[in-house]
């Protein structure tokens, strides 16, 4: 199996294995979202805002010992992901 270089279009987490992929309503895998964000055809946290996801990503990266400036910079990329780009329109 060739490793994927995809990232979740909700949280920017890497999707490295089939196991990491979310699922559509019919149970098939989706290439767009990880299993933590998207399951059985819907978002696991449908009311979450882009700002809330930004804070979750920033906090997670700090917890993983990334420098704070890098965590903030990376978390800013959330706003460019497919799920959140729609809310900017």
Protein backbone atom coordinates (compact mmCIF):
# COMPACT_ATOMS: atom_id res chain seq x y z
CA UNK A 1 0.00 0.00 0.00
CA UNK A 2 1.36 3.39 -1.01
CA UNK A 3 1.26 5.91 1.85
CA UNK A 4 -1.08 8.86 1.39
CA UNK A 5 0.09 12.45 1.63
CA UNK A 6 -3.43 13.72 2.15
CA UNK A 7 -4.51 15.88 5.05
CA UNK A 8 -7.96 16.10 6.57
CA UNK A 9 -9.85 19.02 5.07
CA UNK A 10 -11.34 19.79 8.49
CA UNK A 11 -8.46 19.54 10.99
CA UNK A 12 -5.35 19.24 8.76
CA UNK A 13 -4.29 15.97 10.39
CA UNK A 14 -2.32 13.72 8.06
CA UNK A 15 -4.27 10.83 6.57
CA UNK A 16 -1.53 8.23 6.39
CA UNK A 17 -3.48 4.96 6.28
CA UNK A 18 -6.91 3.77 5.21
CA UNK A 19 -7.71 3.46 8.91
CA UNK A 20 -7.35 7.24 9.27
CA UNK A 21 -10.00 8.01 6.64
CA UNK A 22 -13.54 9.06 7.47
CA UNK A 23 -16.53 7.14 6.12
CA UNK A 24 -19.39 8.03 3.81
CA UNK A 25 -23.02 7.04 4.52
CA UNK A 26 -22.54 3.74 2.67
CA UNK A 27 -19.44 2.89 4.73
CA UNK A 28 -16.95 3.62 1.97
CA UNK A 29 -13.85 5.69 2.77
CA UNK A 30 -13.59 9.38 2.01
CA UNK A 31 -10.33 10.91 0.87
CA UNK A 32 -11.22 14.36 2.25
CA UNK A 33 -11.68 13.91 5.99
CA UNK A 34 -10.16 11.90 8.83
CA UNK A 35 -12.15 9.48 10.96
CA UNK A 36 -12.09 11.86 13.92
CA UNK A 37 -13.85 14.61 11.94
CA UNK A 38 -16.14 12.69 9.57
CA UNK A 39 -18.05 9.46 10.17
CA UNK A 40 -20.92 7.76 8.31
CA UNK A 41 -21.48 10.70 5.99
CA UNK A 42 -21.45 13.53 8.52
CA UNK A 43 -19.15 15.61 10.64
CA UNK A 44 -18.64 14.29 14.16
CA UNK A 45 -18.95 17.86 15.47
CA UNK A 46 -21.35 19.51 12.99
CA UNK A 47 -21.73 22.74 15.00
CA UNK A 48 -18.01 23.35 15.35
CA UNK A 49 -16.75 26.64 13.92
CA UNK A 50 -13.52 27.33 12.09
CA UNK A 51 -12.35 29.37 15.07
CA UNK A 52 -12.94 26.44 17.43
CA UNK A 53 -11.04 24.09 15.12
CA UNK A 54 -8.21 26.63 14.90
CA UNK A 55 -7.91 26.59 18.69
CA UNK A 56 -8.03 22.78 18.87
CA UNK A 57 -5.27 22.44 16.27
CA UNK A 58 -3.11 25.11 17.94
CA UNK A 59 -3.54 23.51 21.38
CA UNK A 60 -2.86 20.00 20.03
CA UNK A 61 0.35 21.14 18.35
CA UNK A 62 1.56 22.88 21.51
CA UNK A 63 0.81 19.65 23.39
CA UNK A 64 2.98 17.81 20.87
CA UNK A 65 5.83 20.19 21.79
CA UNK A 66 5.78 22.29 18.60
CA UNK A 67 7.05 25.85 19.19
CA UNK A 68 4.11 28.20 19.90
CA UNK A 69 4.78 30.41 16.87
CA UNK A 70 4.78 27.35 14.59
CA UNK A 71 1.60 26.00 16.19
CA UNK A 72 -0.17 29.32 15.61
CA UNK A 73 1.10 29.58 12.04
CA UNK A 74 0.07 26.03 11.22
CA UNK A 75 -3.35 26.45 12.88
CA UNK A 76 -3.98 29.49 10.66
CA UNK A 77 -3.98 27.06 7.72
CA UNK A 78 -7.29 25.64 9.01
CA UNK A 79 -9.12 28.54 7.37
CA UNK A 80 -7.94 27.39 3.93
CA UNK A 81 -9.25 23.83 4.32
CA UNK A 82 -12.26 22.72 2.29
CA UNK A 83 -14.67 22.46 5.22
CA UNK A 84 -13.97 25.99 6.44
CA UNK A 85 -13.44 27.73 3.09
CA UNK A 86 -17.19 27.37 2.48
CA UNK A 87 -17.96 29.33 5.65
CA UNK A 88 -15.81 32.27 4.45
CA UNK A 89 -18.07 32.86 1.43
